[in-house]
Amino acid sequence: MQANIVFHNDAAPNDLGGGVSRRVLAYNDRLMIVEVSFETGATGSVHTHPHSQSTYVLSGRFRFTIDGAPAEVGAGDTIAFPPDIPHGTVCLEAGTLLDIFTPMRRDFVGLE
């Protein structure tokens, strides 16, 4: 297996609408790193997926709902989500999240 090197300028952001954009960074079958940028007030709807996920707040402030409970986080904070837990967020102050998934999100690269 080879290393997958992705230069930030080569990874085009995908506008998801509503003030949210996603940039898929390096990944392989077992792991994926994704940068998600939010404008103030933008939301990530409550959802579930079978992947384990860790989120690192690069900048901004966010109010997450995790399995029905609120949690407010800011730059430097992290969250580890188990598979299939309902979670979503509203952006309180424009910022960027770094999401890490295992296994990789095939749906994010058009494989599902």
PDB file of N, CA and C in Angstrom:
ATOM      1  N   MET A   1       0.850  -1.178   0.000  1.00  0.00           N
ATOM      2  CA  MET A   1       0.000   0.000   0.000  1.00  0.00           C
ATOM      3  C   MET A   1       0.894   1.238   0.000  1.00  0.00           C
ATOM      4  N   GLN A   2       0.543   2.214  -0.809  1.00  0.00           N
ATOM      5  CA  GLN A   2       1.298   3.461  -0.902  1.00  0.00           C
ATOM      6  C   GLN A   2       0.670   4.551  -0.046  1.00  0.00           C
ATOM      7  N   ALA A   3       1.484   5.527   0.330  1.00  0.00           N
ATOM      8  CA  ALA A   3       0.969   6.708   1.028  1.00  0.00           C
ATOM      9  C   ALA A   3       0.171   7.550   0.039  1.00  0.00           C
ATOM     10  N   ASN A   4      -0.865   8.181   0.525  1.00  0.00           N
ATOM     11  CA  ASN A   4      -1.690   9.072  -0.284  1.00  0.00           C
ATOM     12  C   ASN A   4      -1.416  10.489   0.198  1.00  0.00           C
ATOM     13  N   ILE A   5      -0.676  11.249  -0.597  1.00  0.00           N
ATOM     14  CA  ILE A   5      -0.341  12.621  -0.234  1.00  0.00           C
ATOM     15  C   ILE A   5      -1.292  13.560  -0.977  1.00  0.00           C
ATOM     16  N   VAL A   6      -1.959  14.421  -0.220  1.00  0.00           N
ATOM     17  CA  VAL A   6      -2.882  15.396  -0.810  1.00  0.00           C
ATOM     18  C   VAL A   6      -2.431  16.781  -0.387  1.00  0.00           C
ATOM     19  N   PHE A   7      -2.133  17.622  -1.360  1.00  0.00           N
ATOM     20  CA  PHE A   7      -1.775  19.005  -1.087  1.00  0.00           C
ATOM     21  C   PHE A   7      -3.061  19.820  -1.005  1.00  0.00           C
ATOM     22  N   HIS A   8      -3.183  20.620   0.047  1.00  0.00           N
ATOM     23  CA  HIS A   8      -4.414  21.347   0.325  1.00  0.00           C
ATOM     24  C   HIS A   8      -4.937  22.099  -0.895  1.00  0.00           C
ATOM     25  N   ASN A   9      -4.066  22.774  -1.631  1.00  0.00           N
ATOM     26  CA  ASN A   9      -4.502  23.540  -2.805  1.00  0.00           C
ATOM     27  C   ASN A   9      -5.033  22.660  -3.933  1.00  0.00           C
ATOM     28  N   ASP A  10      -4.696  21.376  -3.920  1.00  0.00           N
ATOM     29  CA  ASP A  10      -5.169  20.451  -4.952  1.00  0.00           C
ATOM     30  C   ASP A  10      -6.508  19.808  -4.592  1.00  0.00           C
ATOM     31  N   ALA A  11      -6.937  19.951  -3.358  1.00  0.00           N
ATOM     32  CA  ALA A  11      -8.198  19.345  -2.894  1.00  0.00           C
ATOM     33  C   ALA A  11      -9.287  20.410  -2.958  1.00  0.00           C
ATOM     34  N   ALA A  12     -10.045  20.395  -4.029  1.00  0.00           N
ATOM     35  CA  ALA A  12     -11.081  21.410  -4.231  1.00  0.00           C
ATOM     36  C   ALA A  12     -12.215  21.238  -3.227  1.00  0.00           C
ATOM     37  N   PRO A  13     -12.681  22.348  -2.643  1.00  0.00           N
ATOM     38  CA  PRO A  13     -13.833  22.254  -1.739  1.00  0.00           C
ATOM     39  C   PRO A  13     -15.107  21.975  -2.524  1.00  0.00           C
ATOM     40  N   ASN A  14     -15.986  21.217  -1.907  1.00  0.00           N
ATOM     41  CA  ASN A  14     -17.286  20.897  -2.488  1.00  0.00           C
ATOM     42  C   ASN A  14     -18.331  21.689  -1.712  1.00  0.00           C
ATOM     43  N   ASP A  15     -19.019  22.620  -2.385  1.00  0.00           N
ATOM     44  CA  ASP A  15     -20.045  23.441  -1.739  1.00  0.00           C
ATOM     45  C   ASP A  15     -21.275  22.578  -1.485  1.00  0.00           C
ATOM     46  N   LEU A  16     -21.599  22.364  -0.214  1.00  0.00           N
ATOM     47  CA  LEU A  16     -22.748  21.540   0.153  1.00  0.00           C
ATOM     48  C   LEU A  16     -24.014  22.363   0.293  1.00  0.00           C
ATOM     49  N   GLY A  17     -23.889  23.699   0.145  1.00  0.00           N
ATOM     50  CA  GLY A  17     -25.036  24.593   0.299  1.00  0.00           C
ATOM     51  C   GLY A  17     -25.242  24.981   1.743  1.00  0.00           C
ATOM     52  N   GLY A  18     -25.995  26.032   1.940  1.00  0.00           N
ATOM     53  CA  GLY A  18     -26.339  26.457   3.292  1.00  0.00           C
ATOM     54  C   GLY A  18     -25.165  26.951   4.111  1.00  0.00           C
ATOM     55  N   GLY A  19     -24.073  27.370   3.444  1.00  0.00           N
ATOM     56  CA  GLY A  19     -22.924  27.878   4.172  1.00  0.00           C
ATOM     57  C   GLY A  19     -21.947  26.825   4.646  1.00  0.00           C
ATOM     58  N   VAL A  20     -22.006  25.623   4.033  1.00  0.00           N
ATOM     59  CA  VAL A  20     -21.119  24.522   4.418  1.00  0.00           C
ATOM     60  C   VAL A  20     -20.355  24.048   3.183  1.00  0.00           C
ATOM     61  N   SER A  21     -19.060  23.848   3.325  1.00  0.00           N
ATOM     62  CA  SER A  21     -18.277  23.243   2.249  1.00  0.00           C
ATOM     63  C   SER A  21     -17.386  22.148   2.833  1.00  0.00           C
ATOM     64  N   ARG A  22     -17.124  21.133   1.992  1.00  0.00           N
ATOM     65  CA  ARG A  22     -16.349  19.972   2.433  1.00  0.00           C
ATOM     66  C   ARG A  22     -15.176  19.765   1.478  1.00  0.00           C
ATOM     67  N   ARG A  23     -14.012  19.526   2.059  1.00  0.00           N
ATOM     68  CA  ARG A  23     -12.802  19.256   1.281  1.00  0.00           C
ATOM     69  C   ARG A  23     -12.271  17.901   1.735  1.00  0.00           C
ATOM     70  N   VAL A  24     -12.337  16.892   0.850  1.00  0.00           N
ATOM     71  CA  VAL A  24     -11.807  15.562   1.172  1.00  0.00           C
ATOM     72  C   VAL A  24     -10.290  15.627   1.021  1.00  0.00           C
ATOM     73  N   LEU A  25      -9.605  15.257   2.086  1.00  0.00           N
ATOM     74  CA  LEU A  25      -8.145  15.276   2.095  1.00  0.00           C
ATOM     75  C   LEU A  25      -7.643  13.843   1.897  1.00  0.00           C
ATOM     76  N   ALA A  26      -6.555  13.468   2.495  1.00  0.00           N
ATOM     77  CA  ALA A  26      -5.978  12.144   2.282  1.00  0.00           C
ATOM     78  C   ALA A  26      -6.887  11.046   2.828  1.00  0.00           C
ATOM     79  N   TYR A  27      -6.873   9.909   2.124  1.00  0.00           N
ATOM     80  CA  TYR A  27      -7.637   8.749   2.592  1.00  0.00           C
ATOM     81  C   TYR A  27      -7.100   7.485   1.953  1.00  0.00           C
ATOM     82  N   ASN A  28      -7.459   6.379   2.612  1.00  0.00           N
ATOM     83  CA  ASN A  28      -7.295   5.048   2.042  1.00  0.00           C
ATOM     84  C   ASN A  28      -8.523   4.259   2.467  1.00  0.00           C
ATOM     85  N   ASP A  29      -8.551   2.968   2.214  1.00  0.00           N
ATOM     86  CA  ASP A  29      -9.751   2.180   2.528  1.00  0.00           C
ATOM     87  C   ASP A  29     -10.115   2.194   4.004  1.00  0.00           C
ATOM     88  N   ARG A  30      -9.137   2.400   4.885  1.00  0.00           N
ATOM     89  CA  ARG A  30      -9.363   2.293   6.327  1.00  0.00           C
ATOM     90  C   ARG A  30      -9.539   3.624   7.045  1.00  0.00           C
ATOM     91  N   LEU A  31      -9.183   4.742   6.389  1.00  0.00           N
ATOM     92  CA  LEU A  31      -9.144   6.028   7.080  1.00  0.00           C
ATOM     93  C   LEU A  31      -9.379   7.166   6.102  1.00  0.00           C
ATOM     94  N   MET A  32     -10.060   8.215   6.559  1.00  0.00           N
ATOM     95  CA  MET A  32     -10.303   9.394   5.718  1.00  0.00           C
ATOM     96  C   MET A  32     -10.254  10.644   6.579  1.00  0.00           C
ATOM     97  N   ILE A  33      -9.623  11.695   6.037  1.00  0.00           N
ATOM     98  CA  ILE A  33      -9.556  12.999   6.699  1.00  0.00           C
ATOM     99  C   ILE A  33     -10.296  14.003   5.827  1.00  0.00           C
ATOM    100  N   VAL A  34     -11.221  14.754   6.445  1.00  0.00           N
ATOM    101  CA  VAL A  34     -12.086  15.681   5.727  1.00  0.00           C
ATOM    102  C   VAL A  34     -12.130  17.009   6.472  1.00  0.00           C
ATOM    103  N   GLU A  35     -11.983  18.103   5.739  1.00  0.00           N
ATOM    104  CA  GLU A  35     -12.080  19.445   6.303  1.00  0.00           C
ATOM    105  C   GLU A  35     -13.461  20.001   5.951  1.00  0.00           C
ATOM    106  N   VAL A  36     -14.207  20.444   6.954  1.00  0.00           N
ATOM    107  CA  VAL A  36     -15.555  20.963   6.728  1.00  0.00           C
ATOM    108  C   VAL A  36     -15.612  22.389   7.272  1.00  0.00           C
ATOM    109  N   SER A  37     -15.930  23.343   6.386  1.00  0.00           N
ATOM    110  CA  SER A  37     -15.994  24.754   6.762  1.00  0.00           C
ATOM    111  C   SER A  37     -17.442  25.213   6.844  1.00  0.00           C
ATOM    112  N   PHE A  38     -17.725  26.025   7.862  1.00  0.00           N
ATOM    113  CA  PHE A  38     -19.079  26.500   8.129  1.00  0.00           C
ATOM    114  C   PHE A  38     -19.082  28.022   8.259  1.00  0.00           C
ATOM    115  N   GLU A  39     -20.102  28.637   7.683  1.00  0.00           N
ATOM    116  CA  GLU A  39     -20.369  30.044   7.961  1.00  0.00           C
ATOM    117  C   GLU A  39     -21.207  30.102   9.240  1.00  0.00           C
ATOM    118  N   THR A  40     -21.184  31.236   9.923  1.00  0.00           N
ATOM    119  CA  THR A  40     -21.998  31.398  11.127  1.00  0.00           C
ATOM    120  C   THR A  40     -23.456  31.093  10.809  1.00  0.00           C
ATOM    121  N   GLY A  41     -24.090  30.271  11.630  1.00  0.00           N
ATOM    122  CA  GLY A  41     -25.491  29.904  11.459  1.00  0.00           C
ATOM    123  C   GLY A  41     -25.718  28.678  10.601  1.00  0.00           C
ATOM    124  N   ALA A  42     -24.697  28.221   9.882  1.00  0.00           N
ATOM    125  CA  ALA A  42     -24.849  27.032   9.045  1.00  0.00           C
ATOM    126  C   ALA A  42     -25.019  25.796   9.926  1.00  0.00           C
ATOM    127  N   THR A  43     -25.679  24.795   9.390  1.00  0.00           N
ATOM    128  CA  THR A  43     -25.952  23.585  10.162  1.00  0.00           C
ATOM    129  C   THR A  43     -25.471  22.331   9.446  1.00  0.00           C
ATOM    130  N   GLY A  44     -25.131  21.365  10.248  1.00  0.00           N
ATOM    131  CA  GLY A  44     -24.919  19.998   9.797  1.00  0.00           C
ATOM    132  C   GLY A  44     -26.051  19.206  10.421  1.00  0.00           C
ATOM    133  N   SER A  45     -26.995  18.767   9.613  1.00  0.00           N
ATOM    134  CA  SER A  45     -28.195  18.091  10.120  1.00  0.00           C
ATOM    135  C   SER A  45     -27.850  16.873  10.955  1.00  0.00           C
ATOM    136  N   VAL A  46     -28.697  16.576  11.926  1.00  0.00           N
ATOM    137  CA  VAL A  46     -28.523  15.368  12.735  1.00  0.00           C
ATOM    138  C   VAL A  46     -28.598  14.155  11.807  1.00  0.00           C
ATOM    139  N   HIS A  47     -27.618  13.279  11.934  1.00  0.00           N
ATOM    140  CA  HIS A  47     -27.531  12.100  11.080  1.00  0.00           C
ATOM    141  C   HIS A  47     -26.765  10.998  11.816  1.00  0.00           C
ATOM    142  N   THR A  48     -26.749   9.831  11.224  1.00  0.00           N
ATOM    143  CA  THR A  48     -25.958   8.708  11.730  1.00  0.00           C
ATOM    144  C   THR A  48     -25.212   8.083  10.556  1.00  0.00           C
ATOM    145  N   HIS A  49     -24.165   7.343  10.869  1.00  0.00           N
ATOM    146  CA  HIS A  49     -23.450   6.559   9.872  1.00  0.00           C
ATOM    147  C   HIS A  49     -22.699   5.454  10.602  1.00  0.00           C
ATOM    148  N   PRO A  50     -22.336   4.401   9.871  1.00  0.00           N
ATOM    149  CA  PRO A  50     -21.696   3.248  10.517  1.00  0.00           C
ATOM    150  C   PRO A  50     -20.204   3.441  10.801  1.00  0.00           C
ATOM    151  N   HIS A  51     -19.664   4.610  10.506  1.00  0.00           N
ATOM    152  CA  HIS A  51     -18.240   4.881  10.690  1.00  0.00           C
ATOM    153  C   HIS A  51     -17.961   5.428  12.086  1.00  0.00           C
ATOM    154  N   SER A  52     -16.798   5.105  12.635  1.00  0.00           N
ATOM    155  CA  SER A  52     -16.298   5.840  13.798  1.00  0.00           C
ATOM    156  C   SER A  52     -15.814   7.181  13.272  1.00  0.00           C
ATOM    157  N   GLN A  53     -15.991   8.235  14.069  1.00  0.00           N
ATOM    158  CA  GLN A  53     -15.603   9.577  13.641  1.00  0.00           C
ATOM    159  C   GLN A  53     -14.984  10.325  14.799  1.00  0.00           C
ATOM    160  N   SER A  54     -13.891  11.024  14.516  1.00  0.00           N
ATOM    161  CA  SER A  54     -13.328  11.986  15.454  1.00  0.00           C
ATOM    162  C   SER A  54     -13.380  13.345  14.780  1.00  0.00           C
ATOM    163  N   THR A  55     -13.727  14.364  15.553  1.00  0.00           N
ATOM    164  CA  THR A  55     -13.785  15.729  15.039  1.00  0.00           C
ATOM    165  C   THR A  55     -12.871  16.602  15.875  1.00  0.00           C
ATOM    166  N   TYR A  56     -12.027  17.367  15.187  1.00  0.00           N
ATOM    167  CA  TYR A  56     -11.138  18.337  15.816  1.00  0.00           C
ATOM    168  C   TYR A  56     -11.568  19.710  15.331  1.00  0.00           C
ATOM    169  N   VAL A  57     -11.819  20.630  16.253  1.00  0.00           N
ATOM    170  CA  VAL A  57     -12.234  21.977  15.892  1.00  0.00           C
ATOM    171  C   VAL A  57     -10.980  22.802  15.606  1.00  0.00           C
ATOM    172  N   LEU A  58     -10.782  23.115  14.328  1.00  0.00           N
ATOM    173  CA  LEU A  58      -9.644  23.932  13.928  1.00  0.00           C
ATOM    174  C   LEU A  58      -9.866  25.393  14.287  1.00  0.00           C
ATOM    175  N   SER A  59     -11.100  25.866  14.079  1.00  0.00           N
ATOM    176  CA  SER A  59     -11.434  27.266  14.376  1.00  0.00           C
ATOM    177  C   SER A  59     -12.946  27.384  14.521  1.00  0.00           C
ATOM    178  N   GLY A  60     -13.390  28.500  15.115  1.00  0.00           N
ATOM    179  CA  GLY A  60     -14.820  28.757  15.279  1.00  0.00           C
ATOM    180  C   GLY A  60     -15.393  28.155  16.546  1.00  0.00           C
ATOM    181  N   ARG A  61     -16.726  28.259  16.661  1.00  0.00           N
ATOM    182  CA  ARG A  61     -17.472  27.675  17.781  1.00  0.00           C
ATOM    183  C   ARG A  61     -18.676  26.951  17.209  1.00  0.00           C
ATOM    184  N   PHE A  62     -18.991  25.807  17.814  1.00  0.00           N
ATOM    185  CA  PHE A  62     -20.061  24.942  17.319  1.00  0.00           C
ATOM    186  C   PHE A  62     -20.873  24.402  18.485  1.00  0.00           C
ATOM    187  N   ARG A  63     -22.180  24.281  18.277  1.00  0.00           N
ATOM    188  CA  ARG A  63     -23.038  23.598  19.244  1.00  0.00           C
ATOM    189  C   ARG A  63     -23.475  22.288  18.598  1.00  0.00           C
ATOM    190  N   PHE A  64     -22.936  21.208  19.118  1.00  0.00           N
ATOM    191  CA  PHE A  64     -23.306  19.878  18.638  1.00  0.00           C
ATOM    192  C   PHE A  64     -24.489  19.355  19.434  1.00  0.00           C
ATOM    193  N   THR A  65     -25.256  18.509  18.805  1.00  0.00           N
ATOM    194  CA  THR A  65     -26.245  17.670  19.473  1.00  0.00           C
ATOM    195  C   THR A  65     -25.764  16.246  19.243  1.00  0.00           C
ATOM    196  N   ILE A  66     -25.486  15.546  20.333  1.00  0.00           N
ATOM    197  CA  ILE A  66     -24.944  14.194  20.255  1.00  0.00           C
ATOM    198  C   ILE A  66     -25.860  13.273  21.041  1.00  0.00           C
ATOM    199  N   ASP A  67     -26.565  12.414  20.320  1.00  0.00           N
ATOM    200  CA  ASP A  67     -27.535  11.507  20.933  1.00  0.00           C
ATOM    201  C   ASP A  67     -28.527  12.289  21.793  1.00  0.00           C
ATOM    202  N   GLY A  68     -28.934  13.474  21.282  1.00  0.00           N
ATOM    203  CA  GLY A  68     -29.939  14.303  21.944  1.00  0.00           C
ATOM    204  C   GLY A  68     -29.399  15.290  22.960  1.00  0.00           C
ATOM    205  N   ALA A  69     -28.117  15.197  23.310  1.00  0.00           N
ATOM    206  CA  ALA A  69     -27.539  16.082  24.324  1.00  0.00           C
ATOM    207  C   ALA A  69     -26.692  17.177  23.663  1.00  0.00           C
ATOM    208  N   PRO A  70     -26.804  18.430  24.154  1.00  0.00           N
ATOM    209  CA  PRO A  70     -26.013  19.518  23.571  1.00  0.00           C
ATOM    210  C   PRO A  70     -24.576  19.526  24.102  1.00  0.00           C
ATOM    211  N   ALA A  71     -23.661  19.991  23.246  1.00  0.00           N
ATOM    212  CA  ALA A  71     -22.257  20.169  23.652  1.00  0.00           C
ATOM    213  C   ALA A  71     -21.690  21.317  22.827  1.00  0.00           C
ATOM    214  N   GLU A  72     -21.175  22.347  23.490  1.00  0.00           N
ATOM    215  CA  GLU A  72     -20.585  23.481  22.785  1.00  0.00           C
ATOM    216  C   GLU A  72     -19.067  23.328  22.805  1.00  0.00           C
ATOM    217  N   VAL A  73     -18.448  23.464  21.612  1.00  0.00           N
ATOM    218  CA  VAL A  73     -17.005  23.275  21.473  1.00  0.00           C
ATOM    219  C   VAL A  73     -16.398  24.412  20.672  1.00  0.00           C
ATOM    220  N   GLY A  74     -15.093  24.616  20.871  1.00  0.00           N
ATOM    221  CA  GLY A  74     -14.354  25.644  20.155  1.00  0.00           C
ATOM    222  C   GLY A  74     -12.984  25.149  19.752  1.00  0.00           C
ATOM    223  N   ALA A  75     -12.194  26.043  19.179  1.00  0.00           N
ATOM    224  CA  ALA A  75     -10.871  25.703  18.645  1.00  0.00           C
ATOM    225  C   ALA A  75     -10.056  24.888  19.642  1.00  0.00           C
ATOM    226  N   GLY A  76      -9.513  23.776  19.153  1.00  0.00           N
ATOM    227  CA  GLY A  76      -8.695  22.891  19.968  1.00  0.00           C
ATOM    228  C   GLY A  76      -9.448  21.757  20.627  1.00  0.00           C
ATOM    229  N   ASP A  77     -10.788  21.831  20.652  1.00  0.00           N
ATOM    230  CA  ASP A  77     -11.593  20.775  21.274  1.00  0.00           C
ATOM    231  C   ASP A  77     -11.784  19.609  20.302  1.00  0.00           C
ATOM    232  N   THR A  78     -12.004  18.434  20.857  1.00  0.00           N
ATOM    233  CA  THR A  78     -12.204  17.233  20.045  1.00  0.00           C
ATOM    234  C   THR A  78     -13.409  16.446  20.538  1.00  0.00           C
ATOM    235  N   ILE A  79     -13.977  15.678  19.617  1.00  0.00           N
ATOM    236  CA  ILE A  79     -15.094  14.779  19.925  1.00  0.00           C
ATOM    237  C   ILE A  79     -14.804  13.454  19.234  1.00  0.00           C
ATOM    238  N   ALA A  80     -15.058  12.340  19.904  1.00  0.00           N
ATOM    239  CA  ALA A  80     -14.976  11.014  19.292  1.00  0.00           C
ATOM    240  C   ALA A  80     -16.385  10.423  19.284  1.00  0.00           C
ATOM    241  N   PHE A  81     -16.913  10.168  18.098  1.00  0.00           N
ATOM    242  CA  PHE A  81     -18.259   9.629  17.926  1.00  0.00           C
ATOM    243  C   PHE A  81     -18.180   8.131  17.644  1.00  0.00           C
ATOM    244  N   PRO A  82     -18.911   7.322  18.402  1.00  0.00           N
ATOM    245  CA  PRO A  82     -18.987   5.907  18.046  1.00  0.00           C
ATOM    246  C   PRO A  82     -19.879   5.741  16.815  1.00  0.00           C
ATOM    247  N   PRO A  83     -19.795   4.607  16.148  1.00  0.00           N
ATOM    248  CA  PRO A  83     -20.673   4.371  15.001  1.00  0.00           C
ATOM    249  C   PRO A  83     -22.144   4.475  15.393  1.00  0.00           C
ATOM    250  N   ASP A  84     -22.949   4.944  14.457  1.00  0.00           N
ATOM    251  CA  ASP A  84     -24.420   4.951  14.551  1.00  0.00           C
ATOM    252  C   ASP A  84     -25.010   5.856  15.626  1.00  0.00           C
ATOM    253  N   ILE A  85     -24.243   6.778  16.194  1.00  0.00           N
ATOM    254  CA  ILE A  85     -24.796   7.707  17.181  1.00  0.00           C
ATOM    255  C   ILE A  85     -25.340   8.938  16.444  1.00  0.00           C
ATOM    256  N   PRO A  86     -26.569   9.364  16.744  1.00  0.00           N
ATOM    257  CA  PRO A  86     -27.093  10.566  16.097  1.00  0.00           C
ATOM    258  C   PRO A  86     -26.295  11.799  16.527  1.00  0.00           C
ATOM    259  N   HIS A  87     -25.879  12.597  15.544  1.00  0.00           N
ATOM    260  CA  HIS A  87     -25.127  13.812  15.838  1.00  0.00           C
ATOM    261  C   HIS A  87     -25.329  14.841  14.726  1.00  0.00           C
ATOM    262  N   GLY A  88     -25.231  16.096  15.098  1.00  0.00           N
ATOM    263  CA  GLY A  88     -25.346  17.208  14.160  1.00  0.00           C
ATOM    264  C   GLY A  88     -24.800  18.446  14.835  1.00  0.00           C
ATOM    265  N   THR A  89     -24.713  19.554  14.087  1.00  0.00           N
ATOM    266  CA  THR A  89     -24.144  20.767  14.663  1.00  0.00           C
ATOM    267  C   THR A  89     -24.759  22.014  14.058  1.00  0.00           C
ATOM    268  N   VAL A  90     -24.658  23.098  14.811  1.00  0.00           N
ATOM    269  CA  VAL A  90     -24.938  24.438  14.293  1.00  0.00           C
ATOM    270  C   VAL A  90     -23.688  25.260  14.593  1.00  0.00           C
ATOM    271  N   CYS A  91     -23.288  26.064  13.610  1.00  0.00           N
ATOM    272  CA  CYS A  91     -22.085  26.866  13.754  1.00  0.00           C
ATOM    273  C   CYS A  91     -22.429  28.188  14.431  1.00  0.00           C
ATOM    274  N   LEU A  92     -21.836  28.422  15.582  1.00  0.00           N
ATOM    275  CA  LEU A  92     -22.085  29.643  16.346  1.00  0.00           C
ATOM    276  C   LEU A  92     -21.162  30.782  15.916  1.00  0.00           C
ATOM    277  N   GLU A  93     -19.972  30.434  15.463  1.00  0.00           N
ATOM    278  CA  GLU A  93     -18.971  31.393  14.994  1.00  0.00           C
ATOM    279  C   GLU A  93     -18.219  30.723  13.855  1.00  0.00           C
ATOM    280  N   ALA A  94     -18.203  31.344  12.668  1.00  0.00           N
ATOM    281  CA  ALA A  94     -17.616  30.728  11.476  1.00  0.00           C
ATOM    282  C   ALA A  94     -16.333  29.981  11.802  1.00  0.00           C
ATOM    283  N   GLY A  95     -16.213  28.791  11.240  1.00  0.00           N
ATOM    284  CA  GLY A  95     -15.041  27.997  11.553  1.00  0.00           C
ATOM    285  C   GLY A  95     -14.931  26.749  10.708  1.00  0.00           C
ATOM    286  N   THR A  96     -13.947  25.939  11.068  1.00  0.00           N
ATOM    287  CA  THR A  96     -13.617  24.738  10.300  1.00  0.00           C
ATOM    288  C   THR A  96     -13.402  23.557  11.239  1.00  0.00           C
ATOM    289  N   LEU A  97     -13.947  22.419  10.842  1.00  0.00           N
ATOM    290  CA  LEU A  97     -13.778  21.162  11.556  1.00  0.00           C
ATOM    291  C   LEU A  97     -12.897  20.235  10.735  1.00  0.00           C
ATOM    292  N   LEU A  98     -12.107  19.428  11.395  1.00  0.00           N
ATOM    293  CA  LEU A  98     -11.354  18.374  10.745  1.00  0.00           C
ATOM    294  C   LEU A  98     -11.960  17.056  11.216  1.00  0.00           C
ATOM    295  N   ASP A  99     -12.597  16.346  10.293  1.00  0.00           N
ATOM    296  CA  ASP A  99     -13.252  15.077  10.608  1.00  0.00           C
ATOM    297  C   ASP A  99     -12.389  13.921  10.125  1.00  0.00           C
ATOM    298  N   ILE A 100     -12.269  12.913  10.974  1.00  0.00           N
ATOM    299  CA  ILE A 100     -11.506  11.715  10.647  1.00  0.00           C
ATOM    300  C   ILE A 100     -12.456  10.536  10.778  1.00  0.00           C
ATOM    301  N   PHE A 101     -12.547   9.740   9.717  1.00  0.00           N
ATOM    302  CA  PHE A 101     -13.466   8.612   9.678  1.00  0.00           C
ATOM    303  C   PHE A 101     -12.702   7.309   9.495  1.00  0.00           C
ATOM    304  N   THR A 102     -13.226   6.259  10.147  1.00  0.00           N
ATOM    305  CA  THR A 102     -12.742   4.915   9.882  1.00  0.00           C
ATOM    306  C   THR A 102     -13.938   3.970   9.863  1.00  0.00           C
ATOM    307  N   PRO A 103     -14.103   3.142   8.841  1.00  0.00           N
ATOM    308  CA  PRO A 103     -13.330   3.202   7.608  1.00  0.00           C
ATOM    309  C   PRO A 103     -13.662   4.474   6.826  1.00  0.00           C
ATOM    310  N   MET A 104     -13.017   4.651   5.688  1.00  0.00           N
ATOM    311  CA  MET A 104     -13.240   5.855   4.876  1.00  0.00           C
ATOM    312  C   MET A 104     -14.704   5.945   4.431  1.00  0.00           C
ATOM    313  N   ARG A 105     -15.154   7.174   4.148  1.00  0.00           N
ATOM    314  CA  ARG A 105     -16.528   7.444   3.686  1.00  0.00           C
ATOM    315  C   ARG A 105     -16.568   7.297   2.170  1.00  0.00           C
ATOM    316  N   ARG A 106     -16.955   6.138   1.691  1.00  0.00           N
ATOM    317  CA  ARG A 106     -17.033   5.891   0.247  1.00  0.00           C
ATOM    318  C   ARG A 106     -18.012   6.848  -0.428  1.00  0.00           C
ATOM    319  N   ASP A 107     -19.060   7.227   0.293  1.00  0.00           N
ATOM    320  CA  ASP A 107     -20.060   8.140  -0.268  1.00  0.00           C
ATOM    321  C   ASP A 107     -19.476   9.528  -0.539  1.00  0.00           C
ATOM    322  N   PHE A 108     -18.452   9.926   0.180  1.00  0.00           N
ATOM    323  CA  PHE A 108     -17.849  11.245  -0.017  1.00  0.00           C
ATOM    324  C   PHE A 108     -17.035  11.340  -1.303  1.00  0.00           C
ATOM    325  N   VAL A 109     -16.646  10.211  -1.871  1.00  0.00           N
ATOM    326  CA  VAL A 109     -15.859  10.223  -3.095  1.00  0.00           C
ATOM    327  C   VAL A 109     -16.583   9.523  -4.242  1.00  0.00           C
ATOM    328  N   GLY A 110     -17.917   9.397  -4.115  1.00  0.00           N
ATOM    329  CA  GLY A 110     -18.732   8.869  -5.200  1.00  0.00           C
ATOM    330  C   GLY A 110     -18.616   7.374  -5.435  1.00  0.00           C
ATOM    331  N   LEU A 111     -18.225   6.616  -4.418  1.00  0.00           N
ATOM    332  CA  LEU A 111     -18.119   5.172  -4.571  1.00  0.00           C
ATOM    333  C   LEU A 111     -19.363   4.437  -4.094  1.00  0.00           C
ATOM    334  N   GLU A 112     -20.327   5.174  -3.541  1.00  0.00           N
ATOM    335  CA  GLU A 112     -21.611   4.585  -3.118  1.00  0.00           C
ATOM    336  C   GLU A 112     -22.724   5.510  -3.464  1.00  0.00           C
TER     337      GLU A 112
END
